[in-house]
Amino acid sequence: MKFDVLTIAAAIFTLGVLVTSLDLQEAFAGEVQAPSALHQGIPQK
């Protein structure tokens, strides 16, 4: 069975979307979001 480039690309894209959706569900599972200053590299005391 031969796969063309578009079939492989579509499969990788679909897997990527599934993995991303699973990661987003875990991120919103009640985890406390860090302050935006920490994302910018500004240390907080």
C-alpha atoms as a PDB file:
ATOM      1  CA  MET A   1       0.000   0.000   0.000  1.00  0.00           C
ATOM      2  CA  LYS A   2       1.514   3.275  -1.144  1.00  0.00           C
ATOM      3  CA  PHE A   3       0.958   6.563   0.681  1.00  0.00           C
ATOM      4  CA  ASP A   4       1.331   9.862  -1.086  1.00  0.00           C
ATOM      5  CA  VAL A   5       2.670  13.000   0.541  1.00  0.00           C
ATOM      6  CA  LEU A   6      -0.759  14.583   1.055  1.00  0.00           C
ATOM      7  CA  THR A   7      -2.076  11.519   2.891  1.00  0.00           C
ATOM      8  CA  ILE A   8       0.917  11.510   5.235  1.00  0.00           C
ATOM      9  CA  ALA A   9       0.610  15.274   5.791  1.00  0.00           C
ATOM     10  CA  ALA A  10      -3.104  14.956   6.564  1.00  0.00           C
ATOM     11  CA  ALA A  11      -2.428  12.150   9.062  1.00  0.00           C
ATOM     12  CA  ILE A  12       0.286  14.168  10.833  1.00  0.00           C
ATOM     13  CA  PHE A  13      -1.985  17.230  10.924  1.00  0.00           C
ATOM     14  CA  THR A  14      -4.847  15.205  12.406  1.00  0.00           C
ATOM     15  CA  LEU A  15      -2.582  13.687  15.048  1.00  0.00           C
ATOM     16  CA  GLY A  16      -1.237  17.142  15.887  1.00  0.00           C
ATOM     17  CA  VAL A  17      -4.739  18.542  16.351  1.00  0.00           C
ATOM     18  CA  LEU A  18      -5.684  15.618  18.608  1.00  0.00           C
ATOM     19  CA  VAL A  19      -2.551  15.996  20.748  1.00  0.00           C
ATOM     20  CA  THR A  20      -3.073  19.748  21.032  1.00  0.00           C
ATOM     21  CA  SER A  21      -6.699  19.348  22.086  1.00  0.00           C
ATOM     22  CA  LEU A  22      -5.710  16.830  24.760  1.00  0.00           C
ATOM     23  CA  ASP A  23      -2.987  19.169  26.072  1.00  0.00           C
ATOM     24  CA  LEU A  24      -5.435  22.087  26.239  1.00  0.00           C
ATOM     25  CA  GLN A  25      -7.912  20.020  28.245  1.00  0.00           C
ATOM     26  CA  GLU A  26      -5.202  19.168  30.773  1.00  0.00           C
ATOM     27  CA  ALA A  27      -4.112  22.816  30.998  1.00  0.00           C
ATOM     28  CA  PHE A  28      -7.626  23.978  31.933  1.00  0.00           C
ATOM     29  CA  ALA A  29      -8.153  21.258  34.551  1.00  0.00           C
ATOM     30  CA  GLY A  30      -8.017  23.723  37.465  1.00  0.00           C
ATOM     31  CA  GLU A  31      -4.351  24.620  37.225  1.00  0.00           C
ATOM     32  CA  VAL A  32      -3.472  28.082  38.545  1.00  0.00           C
ATOM     33  CA  GLN A  33      -2.223  30.366  35.788  1.00  0.00           C
ATOM     34  CA  ALA A  34       1.120  32.056  36.432  1.00  0.00           C
ATOM     35  CA  PRO A  35       1.135  35.874  36.461  1.00  0.00           C
ATOM     36  CA  SER A  36       1.848  37.450  33.095  1.00  0.00           C
ATOM     37  CA  ALA A  37       5.012  39.083  34.470  1.00  0.00           C
ATOM     38  CA  LEU A  38       6.576  35.639  34.832  1.00  0.00           C
ATOM     39  CA  HIS A  39       6.027  34.980  31.136  1.00  0.00           C
ATOM     40  CA  GLN A  40       7.998  38.125  30.316  1.00  0.00           C
ATOM     41  CA  GLY A  41      11.010  37.150  32.419  1.00  0.00           C
ATOM     42  CA  ILE A  42      10.353  39.703  35.195  1.00  0.00           C
ATOM     43  CA  PRO A  43      11.160  38.171  38.591  1.00  0.00           C
ATOM     44  CA  GLN A  44       8.629  38.721  41.352  1.00  0.00           C
ATOM     45  CA  LYS A  45       9.380  38.932  45.061  1.00  0.00           C
END
